[in-house]
Amino acid sequence: MAMLEHVSRAAKLAKPVLVIGERGTGKELIASRLHYLSERWEQPLVKINCAALTESLLETELFGHQAGAFTGATRTHIGRFEQADGGTLVLDELGTIPLRMQEKILRVIEYGEFQRVGGSDTLRTDVRIVGATNEHLPRLVELGRFRPDLLDRLAFDVVHVPPLRARPEDIGSLAYHFAVNVTKELRRSFFPGFTSEAKAALLGYAWPGNVRELKNAIERSVYRAKEPDQPIDTILFDPFASPYSLSLPAAPRTTAETAATPPPATADDGMPRDFRSAVAAFEQQLLQRALQRAQFKQTLAAKLLGLSYHQLRSLLRKYGLAKAGADNGE
């Protein structure tokens, strides 16, 4: 596969690499491959999810802190840059890092120096940075949310991980791999395979959650199979599917909403007269359908659409739908 060959070549140089791809495409596995195919493979591989931490916690996790640096800091904490000395540091969800922290990371990349929080000693580290994100970083630069100089330093090479729908030839082998593994976990003697109908269903699905969603769907289908010794004939794509699923009536549209999204005018041949208006109307329909299906939980709606939560929020604000559902992503 061209992407894996690209990764193998990029691994040889101790330069920063960006791994870009949709959620669930295996960006973390690509980052690990970059490390283990490099000359640093015997040194530490350290990973951190930047989106999971507040700015203050992210700072102490990256750079460490001295004992007494703040209330509750009873002992010195070694940060990830220090832990990864000589090896590789993977910054997952890179696009969520606050600007102040980006400046400090840039200094480490340029000079190999940093200070722990509350410390005065300058420490040195030799770390290869691998950044992973599903964000369009040049666009974040335009929006003022990402430093252009940091992007320049990190983007020595960029690996684009294709979504699963763009590589259907991998779906069958991955599905079989996951099925065999969960069969062993269930302590069953063998995996009986998939029926032709099940294979067709796998290939006909868009996989908005990519490899992660495929893994979940296969494992769910295997362990819930009514006849474990027979080939799997049904793929359980939606874990929420049930005859007892809760449903909410569609929210009535206000006069303002109706006026804001008129149906696009079409010519006699059925083609839209205004392409952009037709696209906008279609996007709003998709957003509203996803919100209704997710019972107006925006995190779930984003998952259904194959978007990040922040991408969904941006679209909701664009179309004046930001109040549809919980603002905290629940």
C-alpha atoms as a PDB file:
ATOM      1  CA  MET A   1       0.000   0.000   0.000  1.00  0.00           C
ATOM      2  CA  ALA A   2       1.395   3.429  -0.987  1.00  0.00           C
ATOM      3  CA  MET A   3       0.660   4.961   2.417  1.00  0.00           C
ATOM      4  CA  LEU A   4       2.613   2.270   4.292  1.00  0.00           C
ATOM      5  CA  GLU A   5       5.537   2.698   1.929  1.00  0.00           C
ATOM      6  CA  HIS A   6       5.397   6.417   2.622  1.00  0.00           C
ATOM      7  CA  VAL A   7       5.462   5.738   6.373  1.00  0.00           C
ATOM      8  CA  SER A   8       8.406   3.364   6.025  1.00  0.00           C
ATOM      9  CA  ARG A   9      10.423   6.034   4.199  1.00  0.00           C
ATOM     10  CA  ALA A  10       9.474   8.809   6.633  1.00  0.00           C
ATOM     11  CA  ALA A  11      10.392   6.653   9.625  1.00  0.00           C
ATOM     12  CA  LYS A  12      14.079   6.645   8.750  1.00  0.00           C
ATOM     13  CA  LEU A  13      14.607  10.352   9.463  1.00  0.00           C
ATOM     14  CA  ALA A  14      14.307  11.786  12.970  1.00  0.00           C
ATOM     15  CA  LYS A  15      12.134  14.621  11.672  1.00  0.00           C
ATOM     16  CA  PRO A  16       8.659  15.681  12.776  1.00  0.00           C
ATOM     17  CA  VAL A  17       5.762  14.052  10.921  1.00  0.00           C
ATOM     18  CA  LEU A  18       2.071  14.894  10.846  1.00  0.00           C
ATOM     19  CA  VAL A  19      -0.444  12.048  10.564  1.00  0.00           C
ATOM     20  CA  ILE A  20      -3.760  13.347   9.203  1.00  0.00           C
ATOM     21  CA  GLY A  21      -6.962  11.373   8.903  1.00  0.00           C
ATOM     22  CA  GLU A  22     -10.555  10.970   9.968  1.00  0.00           C
ATOM     23  CA  ARG A  23     -11.362   9.583  13.388  1.00  0.00           C
ATOM     24  CA  GLY A  24     -10.956   5.848  13.703  1.00  0.00           C
ATOM     25  CA  THR A  25      -8.606   5.447  10.730  1.00  0.00           C
ATOM     26  CA  GLY A  26      -5.704   4.167  12.823  1.00  0.00           C
ATOM     27  CA  LYS A  27      -3.584   7.318  13.109  1.00  0.00           C
ATOM     28  CA  GLU A  28      -2.112   6.088  16.394  1.00  0.00           C
ATOM     29  CA  LEU A  29      -1.024   2.834  14.737  1.00  0.00           C
ATOM     30  CA  ILE A  30       0.687   4.817  11.977  1.00  0.00           C
ATOM     31  CA  ALA A  31       2.466   6.910  14.620  1.00  0.00           C
ATOM     32  CA  SER A  32       3.673   3.712  16.298  1.00  0.00           C
ATOM     33  CA  ARG A  33       4.901   2.372  12.969  1.00  0.00           C
ATOM     34  CA  LEU A  34       6.898   5.576  12.432  1.00  0.00           C
ATOM     35  CA  HIS A  35       8.605   4.945  15.766  1.00  0.00           C
ATOM     36  CA  TYR A  36       9.289   1.227  15.504  1.00  0.00           C
ATOM     37  CA  LEU A  37      10.690   1.487  11.974  1.00  0.00           C
ATOM     38  CA  SER A  38      13.065   4.257  13.042  1.00  0.00           C
ATOM     39  CA  GLU A  39      16.493   4.082  14.671  1.00  0.00           C
ATOM     40  CA  ARG A  40      14.772   5.109  17.910  1.00  0.00           C
ATOM     41  CA  TRP A  41      12.755   1.897  18.142  1.00  0.00           C
ATOM     42  CA  GLU A  42      14.516   0.759  21.331  1.00  0.00           C
ATOM     43  CA  GLN A  43      13.866   4.090  23.039  1.00  0.00           C
ATOM     44  CA  PRO A  44      10.590   5.248  24.644  1.00  0.00           C
ATOM     45  CA  LEU A  45       7.429   5.759  22.618  1.00  0.00           C
ATOM     46  CA  VAL A  46       5.301   8.191  24.636  1.00  0.00           C
ATOM     47  CA  LYS A  47       1.775   9.258  23.673  1.00  0.00           C
ATOM     48  CA  ILE A  48      -0.551  11.949  24.965  1.00  0.00           C
ATOM     49  CA  ASN A  49      -4.125  12.869  23.983  1.00  0.00           C
ATOM     50  CA  CYS A  50      -4.010  16.663  24.005  1.00  0.00           C
ATOM     51  CA  ALA A  51      -7.813  17.009  23.789  1.00  0.00           C
ATOM     52  CA  ALA A  52      -8.370  15.113  27.041  1.00  0.00           C
ATOM     53  CA  LEU A  53      -6.628  17.668  29.271  1.00  0.00           C
ATOM     54  CA  THR A  54      -7.181  21.254  30.325  1.00  0.00           C
ATOM     55  CA  GLU A  55      -4.435  23.720  29.425  1.00  0.00           C
ATOM     56  CA  SER A  56      -2.877  23.667  32.903  1.00  0.00           C
ATOM     57  CA  LEU A  57      -2.921  19.857  33.085  1.00  0.00           C
ATOM     58  CA  LEU A  58      -1.543  19.598  29.554  1.00  0.00           C
ATOM     59  CA  GLU A  59       1.356  21.850  30.526  1.00  0.00           C
ATOM     60  CA  THR A  60       2.333  19.734  33.518  1.00  0.00           C
ATOM     61  CA  GLU A  61       1.868  16.502  31.566  1.00  0.00           C
ATOM     62  CA  LEU A  62       4.104  17.720  28.742  1.00  0.00           C
ATOM     63  CA  PHE A  63       6.787  19.567  30.698  1.00  0.00           C
ATOM     64  CA  GLY A  64       6.426  18.194  34.234  1.00  0.00           C
ATOM     65  CA  HIS A  65       6.415  20.237  37.414  1.00  0.00           C
ATOM     66  CA  GLN A  66       8.598  20.801  40.442  1.00  0.00           C
ATOM     67  CA  ALA A  67       7.492  19.860  43.931  1.00  0.00           C
ATOM     68  CA  GLY A  68       5.674  22.839  45.440  1.00  0.00           C
ATOM     69  CA  ALA A  69       4.940  24.422  42.049  1.00  0.00           C
ATOM     70  CA  PHE A  70       1.266  24.666  42.987  1.00  0.00           C
ATOM     71  CA  THR A  71      -1.150  23.464  45.646  1.00  0.00           C
ATOM     72  CA  GLY A  72      -1.108  19.671  45.727  1.00  0.00           C
ATOM     73  CA  ALA A  73       2.250  19.325  43.941  1.00  0.00           C
ATOM     74  CA  THR A  74       3.901  17.360  46.728  1.00  0.00           C
ATOM     75  CA  ARG A  75       6.607  15.844  44.546  1.00  0.00           C
ATOM     76  CA  THR A  76       8.376  16.453  41.267  1.00  0.00           C
ATOM     77  CA  HIS A  77       6.509  15.153  38.204  1.00  0.00           C
ATOM     78  CA  ILE A  78       8.435  14.075  35.100  1.00  0.00           C
ATOM     79  CA  GLY A  79       6.676  15.284  31.943  1.00  0.00           C
ATOM     80  CA  ARG A  80       6.256  13.521  28.612  1.00  0.00           C
ATOM     81  CA  PHE A  81       9.074  15.448  26.887  1.00  0.00           C
ATOM     82  CA  GLU A  82      11.428  14.193  29.563  1.00  0.00           C
ATOM     83  CA  GLN A  83      10.021  10.656  29.490  1.00  0.00           C
ATOM     84  CA  ALA A  84      10.431  10.475  25.716  1.00  0.00           C
ATOM     85  CA  ASP A  85      14.065  11.641  25.684  1.00  0.00           C
ATOM     86  CA  GLY A  86      15.853   9.739  22.908  1.00  0.00           C
ATOM     87  CA  GLY A  87      12.577   8.394  21.550  1.00  0.00           C
ATOM     88  CA  THR A  88       9.296   9.585  20.044  1.00  0.00           C
ATOM     89  CA  LEU A  89       6.499  11.732  21.463  1.00  0.00           C
ATOM     90  CA  VAL A  90       3.070  11.397  19.820  1.00  0.00           C
ATOM     91  CA  LEU A  91       0.825  14.445  20.228  1.00  0.00           C
ATOM     92  CA  ASP A  92      -2.647  13.101  19.489  1.00  0.00           C
ATOM     93  CA  GLU A  93      -5.472  15.595  18.764  1.00  0.00           C
ATOM     94  CA  LEU A  94      -2.780  18.145  17.953  1.00  0.00           C
ATOM     95  CA  GLY A  95      -5.246  20.730  16.676  1.00  0.00           C
ATOM     96  CA  THR A  96      -6.744  21.247  20.150  1.00  0.00           C
ATOM     97  CA  ILE A  97      -3.536  22.531  21.781  1.00  0.00           C
ATOM     98  CA  PRO A  98      -3.944  26.133  23.052  1.00  0.00           C
ATOM     99  CA  LEU A  99      -1.786  28.821  21.431  1.00  0.00           C
ATOM    100  CA  ARG A 100       0.304  29.486  24.548  1.00  0.00           C
ATOM    101  CA  MET A 101       1.213  25.824  24.751  1.00  0.00           C
ATOM    102  CA  GLN A 102       2.000  25.767  21.040  1.00  0.00           C
ATOM    103  CA  GLU A 103       4.658  28.433  21.645  1.00  0.00           C
ATOM    104  CA  LYS A 104       6.324  26.328  24.345  1.00  0.00           C
ATOM    105  CA  ILE A 105       6.248  23.212  22.153  1.00  0.00           C
ATOM    106  CA  LEU A 106       7.826  25.189  19.304  1.00  0.00           C
ATOM    107  CA  ARG A 107      10.723  26.151  21.584  1.00  0.00           C
ATOM    108  CA  VAL A 108      11.358  22.508  22.455  1.00  0.00           C
ATOM    109  CA  ILE A 109      11.379  21.570  18.767  1.00  0.00           C
ATOM    110  CA  GLU A 110      13.738  24.419  17.829  1.00  0.00           C
ATOM    111  CA  TYR A 111      16.171  24.316  20.756  1.00  0.00           C
ATOM    112  CA  GLY A 112      15.525  21.020  22.560  1.00  0.00           C
ATOM    113  CA  GLU A 113      15.086  22.968  25.810  1.00  0.00           C
ATOM    114  CA  PHE A 114      12.279  23.401  28.329  1.00  0.00           C
ATOM    115  CA  GLN A 115      11.592  24.103  31.987  1.00  0.00           C
ATOM    116  CA  ARG A 116       9.290  22.242  34.327  1.00  0.00           C
ATOM    117  CA  VAL A 117       6.340  24.181  35.724  1.00  0.00           C
ATOM    118  CA  GLY A 118       7.606  25.980  38.814  1.00  0.00           C
ATOM    119  CA  GLY A 119      11.207  25.167  37.963  1.00  0.00           C
ATOM    120  CA  SER A 120      14.112  27.420  36.996  1.00  0.00           C
ATOM    121  CA  ASP A 121      16.525  24.841  35.582  1.00  0.00           C
ATOM    122  CA  THR A 122      16.668  24.501  31.809  1.00  0.00           C
ATOM    123  CA  LEU A 123      16.402  20.850  30.800  1.00  0.00           C
ATOM    124  CA  ARG A 124      17.353  19.344  27.464  1.00  0.00           C
ATOM    125  CA  THR A 125      15.610  16.590  25.529  1.00  0.00           C
ATOM    126  CA  ASP A 126      16.076  14.839  22.187  1.00  0.00           C
ATOM    127  CA  VAL A 127      12.582  13.931  21.023  1.00  0.00           C
ATOM    128  CA  ARG A 128      11.048  13.175  17.663  1.00  0.00           C
ATOM    129  CA  ILE A 129       7.557  14.678  17.419  1.00  0.00           C
ATOM    130  CA  VAL A 130       4.719  12.913  15.634  1.00  0.00           C
ATOM    131  CA  GLY A 131       1.466  14.878  15.547  1.00  0.00           C
ATOM    132  CA  ALA A 132      -1.904  13.267  14.831  1.00  0.00           C
ATOM    133  CA  THR A 133      -5.134  15.074  14.069  1.00  0.00           C
ATOM    134  CA  ASN A 134      -8.378  14.986  12.113  1.00  0.00           C
ATOM    135  CA  GLU A 135      -8.353  18.764  11.791  1.00  0.00           C
ATOM    136  CA  HIS A 136      -7.330  20.753   8.706  1.00  0.00           C
ATOM    137  CA  LEU A 137      -4.347  22.525  10.255  1.00  0.00           C
ATOM    138  CA  PRO A 138      -3.798  25.114   7.482  1.00  0.00           C
ATOM    139  CA  ARG A 139      -7.405  26.166   7.992  1.00  0.00           C
ATOM    140  CA  LEU A 140      -6.782  26.493  11.760  1.00  0.00           C
ATOM    141  CA  VAL A 141      -3.821  28.732  10.928  1.00  0.00           C
ATOM    142  CA  GLU A 142      -6.133  30.950   8.849  1.00  0.00           C
ATOM    143  CA  LEU A 143      -8.557  31.095  11.792  1.00  0.00           C
ATOM    144  CA  GLY A 144      -5.760  32.101  14.183  1.00  0.00           C
ATOM    145  CA  ARG A 145      -6.052  28.890  16.207  1.00  0.00           C
ATOM    146  CA  PHE A 146      -2.734  27.341  15.211  1.00  0.00           C
ATOM    147  CA  ARG A 147       0.696  28.934  14.931  1.00  0.00           C
ATOM    148  CA  PRO A 148       2.015  28.983  11.363  1.00  0.00           C
ATOM    149  CA  ASP A 149       5.629  28.655  12.534  1.00  0.00           C
ATOM    150  CA  LEU A 150       4.757  25.534  14.540  1.00  0.00           C
ATOM    151  CA  LEU A 151       2.938  24.058  11.549  1.00  0.00           C
ATOM    152  CA  ASP A 152       6.004  24.741   9.389  1.00  0.00           C
ATOM    153  CA  ARG A 153       8.235  22.867  11.850  1.00  0.00           C
ATOM    154  CA  LEU A 154       5.874  19.923  12.329  1.00  0.00           C
ATOM    155  CA  ALA A 155       5.037  19.447   8.654  1.00  0.00           C
ATOM    156  CA  PHE A 156       8.421  18.173   7.496  1.00  0.00           C
ATOM    157  CA  ASP A 157       6.330  15.344   6.092  1.00  0.00           C
ATOM    158  CA  VAL A 158       2.608  14.692   6.180  1.00  0.00           C
ATOM    159  CA  VAL A 159       1.038  11.225   6.069  1.00  0.00           C
ATOM    160  CA  HIS A 160      -2.607  11.198   5.003  1.00  0.00           C
ATOM    161  CA  VAL A 161      -4.448   8.131   6.297  1.00  0.00           C
ATOM    162  CA  PRO A 162      -7.311   7.321   3.897  1.00  0.00           C
ATOM    163  CA  PRO A 163     -10.757   6.559   5.319  1.00  0.00           C
ATOM    164  CA  LEU A 164     -11.949   2.977   5.190  1.00  0.00           C
ATOM    165  CA  ARG A 165     -14.513   3.743   2.480  1.00  0.00           C
ATOM    166  CA  ALA A 166     -11.599   4.729   0.196  1.00  0.00           C
ATOM    167  CA  ARG A 167      -9.926   1.319   0.601  1.00  0.00           C
ATOM    168  CA  PRO A 168     -12.704  -1.282   0.337  1.00  0.00           C
ATOM    169  CA  GLU A 169     -10.116  -3.959  -0.448  1.00  0.00           C
ATOM    170  CA  ASP A 170      -9.081  -3.838   3.238  1.00  0.00           C
ATOM    171  CA  ILE A 171     -12.558  -4.305   4.697  1.00  0.00           C
ATOM    172  CA  GLY A 172     -12.771  -8.086   4.249  1.00  0.00           C
ATOM    173  CA  SER A 173      -9.332  -8.874   5.686  1.00  0.00           C
ATOM    174  CA  LEU A 174      -9.806  -6.504   8.621  1.00  0.00           C
ATOM    175  CA  ALA A 175     -13.257  -7.915   9.367  1.00  0.00           C
ATOM    176  CA  TYR A 176     -11.903 -11.473   9.375  1.00  0.00           C
ATOM    177  CA  HIS A 177      -8.982 -10.443  11.604  1.00  0.00           C
ATOM    178  CA  PHE A 178     -11.274  -8.820  14.186  1.00  0.00           C
ATOM    179  CA  ALA A 179     -13.706 -11.739  14.038  1.00  0.00           C
ATOM    180  CA  VAL A 180     -10.993 -14.324  14.697  1.00  0.00           C
ATOM    181  CA  ASN A 181      -9.656 -12.311  17.631  1.00  0.00           C
ATOM    182  CA  VAL A 182     -13.022 -11.938  19.335  1.00  0.00           C
ATOM    183  CA  THR A 183     -13.750 -15.633  18.701  1.00  0.00           C
ATOM    184  CA  LYS A 184     -10.613 -16.503  20.683  1.00  0.00           C
ATOM    185  CA  GLU A 185     -11.634 -14.055  23.397  1.00  0.00           C
ATOM    186  CA  LEU A 186     -15.003 -15.801  23.646  1.00  0.00           C
ATOM    187  CA  ARG A 187     -13.158 -19.143  23.962  1.00  0.00           C
ATOM    188  CA  ARG A 188     -14.873 -20.586  20.902  1.00  0.00           C
ATOM    189  CA  SER A 189     -13.071 -23.242  18.902  1.00  0.00           C
ATOM    190  CA  PHE A 190     -13.219 -21.567  15.473  1.00  0.00           C
ATOM    191  CA  PHE A 191     -14.676 -18.694  13.476  1.00  0.00           C
ATOM    192  CA  PRO A 192     -17.113 -19.996  10.814  1.00  0.00           C
ATOM    193  CA  GLY A 193     -16.741 -16.997   8.471  1.00  0.00           C
ATOM    194  CA  PHE A 194     -19.240 -14.613   6.857  1.00  0.00           C
ATOM    195  CA  THR A 195     -22.085 -15.334   4.456  1.00  0.00           C
ATOM    196  CA  SER A 196     -22.085 -13.637   1.062  1.00  0.00           C
ATOM    197  CA  GLU A 197     -24.910 -11.393   2.280  1.00  0.00           C
ATOM    198  CA  ALA A 198     -22.834 -10.277   5.267  1.00  0.00           C
ATOM    199  CA  LYS A 199     -19.818  -9.578   3.045  1.00  0.00           C
ATOM    200  CA  ALA A 200     -21.984  -7.512   0.727  1.00  0.00           C
ATOM    201  CA  ALA A 201     -23.335  -5.548   3.696  1.00  0.00           C
ATOM    202  CA  LEU A 202     -19.804  -4.832   4.900  1.00  0.00           C
ATOM    203  CA  LEU A 203     -18.779  -3.520   1.492  1.00  0.00           C
ATOM    204  CA  GLY A 204     -21.962  -1.514   1.054  1.00  0.00           C
ATOM    205  CA  TYR A 205     -21.637   0.433   4.294  1.00  0.00           C
ATOM    206  CA  ALA A 206     -19.927   3.872   4.369  1.00  0.00           C
ATOM    207  CA  TRP A 207     -18.072   3.329   7.713  1.00  0.00           C
ATOM    208  CA  PRO A 208     -18.160   6.899   9.063  1.00  0.00           C
ATOM    209  CA  GLY A 209     -16.261   5.630  12.122  1.00  0.00           C
ATOM    210  CA  ASN A 210     -13.684   3.860   9.948  1.00  0.00           C
ATOM    211  CA  VAL A 211     -11.583   0.982  11.347  1.00  0.00           C
ATOM    212  CA  ARG A 212     -12.703   1.590  14.925  1.00  0.00           C
ATOM    213  CA  GLU A 213     -16.354   1.302  13.898  1.00  0.00           C
ATOM    214  CA  LEU A 214     -15.624  -1.793  11.798  1.00  0.00           C
ATOM    215  CA  LYS A 215     -13.946  -3.476  14.762  1.00  0.00           C
ATOM    216  CA  ASN A 216     -16.892  -2.727  17.040  1.00  0.00           C
ATOM    217  CA  ALA A 217     -19.457  -3.895  14.489  1.00  0.00           C
ATOM    218  CA  ILE A 218     -17.648  -7.191  13.830  1.00  0.00           C
ATOM    219  CA  GLU A 219     -17.044  -7.987  17.485  1.00  0.00           C
ATOM    220  CA  ARG A 220     -20.663  -7.148  18.307  1.00  0.00           C
ATOM    221  CA  SER A 221     -21.951  -9.325  15.454  1.00  0.00           C
ATOM    222  CA  VAL A 222     -19.802 -12.312  16.443  1.00  0.00           C
ATOM    223  CA  TYR A 223     -20.574 -12.344  20.132  1.00  0.00           C
ATOM    224  CA  ARG A 224     -24.312 -11.787  19.627  1.00  0.00           C
ATOM    225  CA  ALA A 225     -24.656 -14.427  16.904  1.00  0.00           C
ATOM    226  CA  LYS A 226     -27.556 -16.765  17.718  1.00  0.00           C
ATOM    227  CA  GLU A 227     -25.765 -19.745  16.151  1.00  0.00           C
ATOM    228  CA  PRO A 228     -22.038 -19.337  16.902  1.00  0.00           C
ATOM    229  CA  ASP A 229     -21.075 -22.368  14.792  1.00  0.00           C
ATOM    230  CA  GLN A 230     -22.730 -20.954  11.642  1.00  0.00           C
ATOM    231  CA  PRO A 231     -21.337 -18.229   9.358  1.00  0.00           C
ATOM    232  CA  ILE A 232     -22.256 -14.697  10.392  1.00  0.00           C
ATOM    233  CA  ASP A 233     -25.177 -13.577   8.249  1.00  0.00           C
ATOM    234  CA  THR A 234     -26.102 -10.306   9.966  1.00  0.00           C
ATOM    235  CA  ILE A 235     -23.816  -7.363  10.670  1.00  0.00           C
ATOM    236  CA  LEU A 236     -24.982  -5.310  13.648  1.00  0.00           C
ATOM    237  CA  PHE A 237     -23.955  -1.835  12.510  1.00  0.00           C
ATOM    238  CA  ASP A 238     -26.005   0.181  14.998  1.00  0.00           C
ATOM    239  CA  PRO A 239     -25.715  -0.750  18.706  1.00  0.00           C
ATOM    240  CA  PHE A 240     -28.763   1.436  19.429  1.00  0.00           C
ATOM    241  CA  ALA A 241     -31.013  -0.450  17.026  1.00  0.00           C
ATOM    242  CA  SER A 242     -33.870  -2.020  18.950  1.00  0.00           C
ATOM    243  CA  PRO A 243     -37.652  -2.344  18.646  1.00  0.00           C
ATOM    244  CA  TYR A 244     -37.725  -0.606  22.037  1.00  0.00           C
ATOM    245  CA  SER A 245     -35.535   2.367  21.073  1.00  0.00           C
ATOM    246  CA  LEU A 246     -36.677   5.687  22.459  1.00  0.00           C
ATOM    247  CA  SER A 247     -37.778   8.160  19.850  1.00  0.00           C
ATOM    248  CA  LEU A 248     -38.551  11.834  19.939  1.00  0.00           C
ATOM    249  CA  PRO A 249     -40.995  13.608  17.645  1.00  0.00           C
ATOM    250  CA  ALA A 250     -39.338  15.909  15.166  1.00  0.00           C
ATOM    251  CA  ALA A 251     -39.148  19.438  16.542  1.00  0.00           C
ATOM    252  CA  PRO A 252     -41.489  21.772  14.667  1.00  0.00           C
ATOM    253  CA  ARG A 253     -39.560  24.294  12.621  1.00  0.00           C
ATOM    254  CA  THR A 254     -40.030  27.925  13.485  1.00  0.00           C
ATOM    255  CA  THR A 255     -41.023  30.513  10.924  1.00  0.00           C
ATOM    256  CA  ALA A 256     -37.490  31.914  11.029  1.00  0.00           C
ATOM    257  CA  GLU A 257     -35.935  28.492  10.367  1.00  0.00           C
ATOM    258  CA  THR A 258     -38.292  27.857   7.487  1.00  0.00           C
ATOM    259  CA  ALA A 259     -37.464  31.211   5.962  1.00  0.00           C
ATOM    260  CA  ALA A 260     -33.741  30.666   6.456  1.00  0.00           C
ATOM    261  CA  THR A 261     -33.680  27.407   4.513  1.00  0.00           C
ATOM    262  CA  PRO A 262     -36.036  27.605   1.551  1.00  0.00           C
ATOM    263  CA  PRO A 263     -36.011  24.649  -0.821  1.00  0.00           C
ATOM    264  CA  PRO A 264     -33.476  25.290  -3.589  1.00  0.00           C
ATOM    265  CA  ALA A 265     -35.003  26.378  -6.894  1.00  0.00           C
ATOM    266  CA  THR A 266     -34.580  23.894  -9.703  1.00  0.00           C
ATOM    267  CA  ALA A 267     -34.630  24.196 -13.458  1.00  0.00           C
ATOM    268  CA  ASP A 268     -36.922  22.185 -15.702  1.00  0.00           C
ATOM    269  CA  ASP A 269     -34.312  19.414 -15.961  1.00  0.00           C
ATOM    270  CA  GLY A 270     -34.222  19.007 -12.180  1.00  0.00           C
ATOM    271  CA  MET A 271     -30.796  20.603 -11.736  1.00  0.00           C
ATOM    272  CA  PRO A 272     -30.509  23.268  -9.015  1.00  0.00           C
ATOM    273  CA  ARG A 273     -30.368  26.854 -10.199  1.00  0.00           C
ATOM    274  CA  ASP A 274     -28.103  27.774  -7.266  1.00  0.00           C
ATOM    275  CA  PHE A 275     -25.516  25.080  -6.448  1.00  0.00           C
ATOM    276  CA  ARG A 276     -24.416  26.602  -3.122  1.00  0.00           C
ATOM    277  CA  SER A 277     -27.970  26.970  -1.867  1.00  0.00           C
ATOM    278  CA  ALA A 278     -28.716  23.353  -2.796  1.00  0.00           C
ATOM    279  CA  VAL A 279     -25.630  22.138  -0.928  1.00  0.00           C
ATOM    280  CA  ALA A 280     -26.493  24.279   2.112  1.00  0.00           C
ATOM    281  CA  ALA A 281     -30.065  22.945   2.174  1.00  0.00           C
ATOM    282  CA  PHE A 282     -28.813  19.368   1.934  1.00  0.00           C
ATOM    283  CA  GLU A 283     -26.281  19.911   4.741  1.00  0.00           C
ATOM    284  CA  GLN A 284     -28.998  21.311   6.995  1.00  0.00           C
ATOM    285  CA  GLN A 285     -31.247  18.328   6.272  1.00  0.00           C
ATOM    286  CA  LEU A 286     -28.425  15.949   7.187  1.00  0.00           C
ATOM    287  CA  LEU A 287     -27.668  17.856  10.391  1.00  0.00           C
ATOM    288  CA  GLN A 288     -31.314  17.881  11.467  1.00  0.00           C
ATOM    289  CA  ARG A 289     -31.788  14.176  10.678  1.00  0.00           C
ATOM    290  CA  ALA A 290     -28.630  13.250  12.605  1.00  0.00           C
ATOM    291  CA  LEU A 291     -29.688  15.332  15.612  1.00  0.00           C
ATOM    292  CA  GLN A 292     -33.117  13.725  15.661  1.00  0.00           C
ATOM    293  CA  ARG A 293     -31.680  10.219  15.341  1.00  0.00           C
ATOM    294  CA  ALA A 294     -29.188  10.976  18.132  1.00  0.00           C
ATOM    295  CA  GLN A 295     -32.005  12.345  20.312  1.00  0.00           C
ATOM    296  CA  PHE A 296     -30.296  15.748  20.054  1.00  0.00           C
ATOM    297  CA  LYS A 297     -27.073  14.576  21.684  1.00  0.00           C
ATOM    298  CA  GLN A 298     -24.484  16.418  19.648  1.00  0.00           C
ATOM    299  CA  THR A 299     -21.580  14.045  20.352  1.00  0.00           C
ATOM    300  CA  LEU A 300     -23.604  11.131  18.985  1.00  0.00           C
ATOM    301  CA  ALA A 301     -24.858  13.220  16.048  1.00  0.00           C
ATOM    302  CA  ALA A 302     -21.263  14.053  15.141  1.00  0.00           C
ATOM    303  CA  LYS A 303     -20.405  10.347  15.217  1.00  0.00           C
ATOM    304  CA  LEU A 304     -23.321   9.490  12.938  1.00  0.00           C
ATOM    305  CA  LEU A 305     -22.083  12.056  10.405  1.00  0.00           C
ATOM    306  CA  GLY A 306     -18.417  11.072  10.629  1.00  0.00           C
ATOM    307  CA  LEU A 307     -17.472  14.493  12.026  1.00  0.00           C
ATOM    308  CA  SER A 308     -15.549  15.627  15.078  1.00  0.00           C
ATOM    309  CA  TYR A 309     -17.635  17.316  17.781  1.00  0.00           C
ATOM    310  CA  HIS A 310     -16.006  20.668  16.969  1.00  0.00           C
ATOM    311  CA  GLN A 311     -16.738  20.277  13.248  1.00  0.00           C
ATOM    312  CA  LEU A 312     -20.396  19.580  14.039  1.00  0.00           C
ATOM    313  CA  ARG A 313     -20.608  22.606  16.341  1.00  0.00           C
ATOM    314  CA  SER A 314     -19.131  24.795  13.607  1.00  0.00           C
ATOM    315  CA  LEU A 315     -21.776  23.633  11.113  1.00  0.00           C
ATOM    316  CA  LEU A 316     -24.578  24.090  13.645  1.00  0.00           C
ATOM    317  CA  ARG A 317     -23.444  27.660  14.267  1.00  0.00           C
ATOM    318  CA  LYS A 318     -23.169  28.263  10.518  1.00  0.00           C
ATOM    319  CA  TYR A 319     -26.823  27.338   9.996  1.00  0.00           C
ATOM    320  CA  GLY A 320     -28.191  28.802  13.213  1.00  0.00           C
ATOM    321  CA  LEU A 321     -28.813  25.366  14.754  1.00  0.00           C
ATOM    322  CA  ALA A 322     -26.321  25.676  17.622  1.00  0.00           C
ATOM    323  CA  LYS A 323     -29.069  25.449  20.268  1.00  0.00           C
ATOM    324  CA  ALA A 324     -30.247  22.086  18.957  1.00  0.00           C
ATOM    325  CA  GLY A 325     -29.143  19.707  21.673  1.00  0.00           C
ATOM    326  CA  ALA A 326     -26.775  19.968  24.593  1.00  0.00           C
ATOM    327  CA  ASP A 327     -23.993  22.543  24.228  1.00  0.00           C
ATOM    328  CA  ASN A 328     -21.598  20.409  26.278  1.00  0.00           C
ATOM    329  CA  GLY A 329     -21.665  17.601  23.730  1.00  0.00           C
ATOM    330  CA  GLU A 330     -23.813  15.266  25.793  1.00  0.00           C
END
